[in-house]
Amino acid sequence: MTSEIEQEAIRKIIAQDAAKATAIAALPIPFIDMIGVVYIQVKMIEKIANQYNIIMKPKQKVYTTTILTTMTAKLISETLNTLAEKTHLDKLMGQSMVEATIVGSASGAIGEIYNLHFKRGGTIDNLGFDALMEYVQWQIADEKLSIQHLSQKLLSLN
């Protein structure tokens, strides 16, 4: 179990590394941005694991998680960019901004998922789909996935 001070340190790690991932994702250099984001996410997970005295060996599961998340974020951003072009919203927000926002949010979510999992006694080896579902339930209970919260977040982008 971690103290509130340790949780605050973990939240700071997540916020800083999600911001770094957002900045890297804004680079219009294909594949380099993805490699940079994966690197930042893996380092973030290592820092969170260290807070719980969890040793990350081997790292294949962590790399798989971060690569899949980054690829999913890329697909979502491409879909949103296509939608923005068709609705002429692309004039308000550039492609890099949409992608960076989605990747930054996904990076923060990865950090929170691992933190919640480790906080509940989980390890790298037993992280699975149930950890994702726990996170979604936690977000709903905390109203972070409410329509009102999501719409406020979207409006703050403008």
Protein backbone atom coordinates (compact mmCIF):
# COMPACT_ATOMS: atom_id res chain seq x y z
CA MET A 1 0.00 0.00 0.00
CA THR A 2 1.27 3.44 -0.82
CA SER A 3 0.82 6.60 1.19
CA GLU A 4 -0.92 9.72 -0.09
CA ILE A 5 2.50 11.36 -0.52
CA GLU A 6 3.68 8.42 -2.66
CA GLN A 7 0.44 8.55 -4.68
CA GLU A 8 1.01 12.26 -5.27
CA ALA A 9 4.53 11.47 -6.53
CA ILE A 10 3.08 8.83 -8.87
CA ARG A 11 0.42 11.25 -10.17
CA LYS A 12 3.24 13.74 -10.85
CA ILE A 13 5.21 11.08 -12.77
CA ILE A 14 2.13 10.26 -14.85
CA ALA A 15 1.35 13.92 -15.56
CA GLN A 16 4.94 14.77 -16.54
CA ASP A 17 5.39 11.73 -18.76
CA ALA A 18 1.96 12.15 -20.40
CA ALA A 19 2.99 15.75 -21.18
CA LYS A 20 6.26 14.50 -22.69
CA ALA A 21 4.37 11.94 -24.79
CA THR A 22 2.00 14.70 -25.94
CA ALA A 23 4.94 16.86 -27.03
CA ILE A 24 6.61 13.99 -28.89
CA ALA A 25 3.32 13.00 -30.57
CA ALA A 26 2.96 16.54 -31.91
CA LEU A 27 6.10 16.04 -34.02
CA PRO A 28 5.10 15.52 -37.64
CA ILE A 29 7.74 12.82 -38.14
CA PRO A 30 6.11 9.44 -38.81
CA PHE A 31 7.38 6.48 -36.75
CA ILE A 32 9.89 8.61 -34.83
CA ASP A 33 7.03 10.04 -32.82
CA MET A 34 5.67 6.54 -32.07
CA ILE A 35 9.09 5.26 -30.99
CA GLY A 36 9.53 8.27 -28.71
CA VAL A 37 6.08 7.84 -27.17
CA VAL A 38 6.63 4.12 -26.53
CA TYR A 39 9.98 4.89 -24.89
CA ILE A 40 8.41 7.54 -22.63
CA GLN A 41 5.54 5.22 -21.68
CA VAL A 42 7.87 2.33 -20.81
CA LYS A 43 10.04 4.64 -18.68
CA MET A 44 6.90 5.94 -16.96
CA ILE A 45 5.76 2.42 -16.12
CA GLU A 46 9.24 1.63 -14.77
CA LYS A 47 9.08 4.69 -12.50
CA ILE A 48 5.63 3.67 -11.23
CA ALA A 49 6.80 0.08 -10.68
CA ASN A 50 9.79 1.39 -8.71
CA GLN A 51 7.40 3.22 -6.38
CA TYR A 52 5.92 -0.20 -5.53
CA ASN A 53 9.32 -1.98 -5.47
CA ILE A 54 8.29 -4.03 -8.48
CA ILE A 55 11.09 -5.19 -10.76
CA MET A 56 10.23 -5.08 -14.44
CA LYS A 57 11.89 -8.14 -15.89
CA PRO A 58 11.15 -9.18 -18.58
CA LYS A 59 9.68 -6.11 -20.24
CA GLN A 60 7.92 -7.76 -23.20
CA LYS A 61 4.46 -7.32 -21.71
CA VAL A 62 5.11 -3.63 -21.02
CA TYR A 63 6.40 -3.04 -24.55
CA THR A 64 3.41 -4.89 -25.99
CA THR A 65 1.00 -2.80 -23.91
CA THR A 66 2.58 0.50 -24.87
CA ILE A 67 2.94 -0.35 -28.56
CA LEU A 68 -0.69 -1.48 -28.80
CA THR A 69 -1.88 1.61 -26.96
CA THR A 70 0.17 3.93 -29.15
CA MET A 71 -1.04 2.23 -32.33
CA THR A 72 -4.65 2.41 -31.11
CA ALA A 73 -4.24 6.11 -30.31
CA LYS A 74 -2.81 6.65 -33.81
CA LEU A 75 -5.80 4.88 -35.40
CA ILE A 76 -8.25 6.91 -33.31
CA SER A 77 -6.51 10.15 -34.22
CA GLU A 78 -6.51 9.24 -37.92
CA THR A 79 -10.24 8.49 -37.72
CA LEU A 80 -10.90 11.79 -35.94
CA ASN A 81 -8.77 13.68 -38.44
CA THR A 82 -10.75 12.17 -41.32
CA LEU A 83 -13.98 13.12 -39.57
CA ALA A 84 -12.63 16.64 -38.92
CA GLU A 85 -11.78 17.06 -42.61
CA LYS A 86 -15.25 15.98 -43.69
CA THR A 87 -16.92 18.35 -41.25
CA HIS A 88 -14.41 21.16 -41.88
CA LEU A 89 -13.38 21.14 -38.22
CA ASP A 90 -9.81 20.58 -39.37
CA LYS A 91 -9.60 24.35 -39.78
CA LEU A 92 -9.97 24.72 -35.98
CA MET A 93 -7.60 21.97 -34.91
CA GLY A 94 -4.58 20.70 -36.77
CA GLN A 95 -3.84 17.01 -37.22
CA SER A 96 -0.81 17.15 -34.92
CA MET A 97 -2.86 18.72 -32.14
CA VAL A 98 -5.56 16.04 -32.33
CA GLU A 99 -2.99 13.25 -32.39
CA ALA A 100 -0.96 14.75 -29.55
CA THR A 101 -4.06 15.15 -27.39
CA ILE A 102 -5.15 11.56 -27.92
CA VAL A 103 -1.67 10.12 -27.38
CA GLY A 104 -1.18 12.24 -24.25
CA SER A 105 -4.52 11.07 -22.85
CA ALA A 106 -3.70 7.44 -23.68
CA SER A 107 -0.29 7.80 -22.00
CA GLY A 108 -1.93 9.16 -18.87
CA ALA A 109 -4.42 6.30 -18.92
CA ILE A 110 -1.61 3.73 -19.20
CA GLY A 111 0.08 5.25 -16.17
CA GLU A 112 -3.17 5.24 -14.19
CA ILE A 113 -3.96 1.64 -15.19
CA TYR A 114 -0.56 0.41 -14.04
CA ASN A 115 -0.73 2.49 -10.86
CA LEU A 116 -4.17 1.13 -9.95
CA HIS A 117 -3.05 -2.41 -10.76
CA PHE A 118 0.13 -2.16 -8.67
CA LYS A 119 -1.74 -0.42 -5.85
CA ARG A 120 -4.07 -3.41 -5.62
CA GLY A 121 -1.15 -5.84 -5.39
CA GLY A 122 -0.78 -6.68 -9.07
CA THR A 123 2.48 -7.30 -10.88
CA ILE A 124 3.68 -6.94 -14.44
CA ASP A 125 3.03 -10.65 -14.99
CA ASN A 126 -0.64 -10.63 -14.00
CA LEU A 127 -1.74 -7.45 -15.75
CA GLY A 128 -4.60 -8.33 -18.06
CA PHE A 129 -7.91 -7.19 -19.49
CA ASP A 130 -9.40 -7.17 -15.99
CA ALA A 131 -7.02 -4.32 -15.04
CA LEU A 132 -8.36 -2.29 -17.97
CA MET A 133 -11.95 -3.00 -16.92
CA GLU A 134 -11.14 -2.02 -13.32
CA TYR A 135 -9.73 1.26 -14.61
CA VAL A 136 -12.84 1.97 -16.70
CA GLN A 137 -15.06 1.22 -13.67
CA TRP A 138 -12.90 3.53 -11.54
CA GLN A 139 -13.18 6.29 -14.17
CA ILE A 140 -16.96 5.90 -14.34
CA ALA A 141 -17.28 5.93 -10.55
CA ASP A 142 -15.11 9.06 -10.44
CA GLU A 143 -17.27 10.57 -13.24
CA LYS A 144 -14.20 11.09 -15.45
CA LEU A 145 -15.96 9.21 -18.24
CA SER A 146 -19.21 11.14 -17.90
CA ILE A 147 -20.53 12.94 -20.96
CA GLN A 148 -20.28 16.24 -19.10
CA HIS A 149 -16.60 15.72 -18.19
CA LEU A 150 -15.64 14.55 -21.69
CA SER A 151 -17.45 17.45 -23.36
CA GLN A 152 -15.75 19.94 -21.04
CA LYS A 153 -12.39 18.41 -21.96
CA LEU A 154 -13.15 18.69 -25.66
CA LEU A 155 -14.29 22.29 -25.31
CA SER A 156 -11.09 23.17 -23.47
CA LEU A 157 -9.09 22.20 -26.58
CA ASN A 158 -10.37 25.24 -28.46
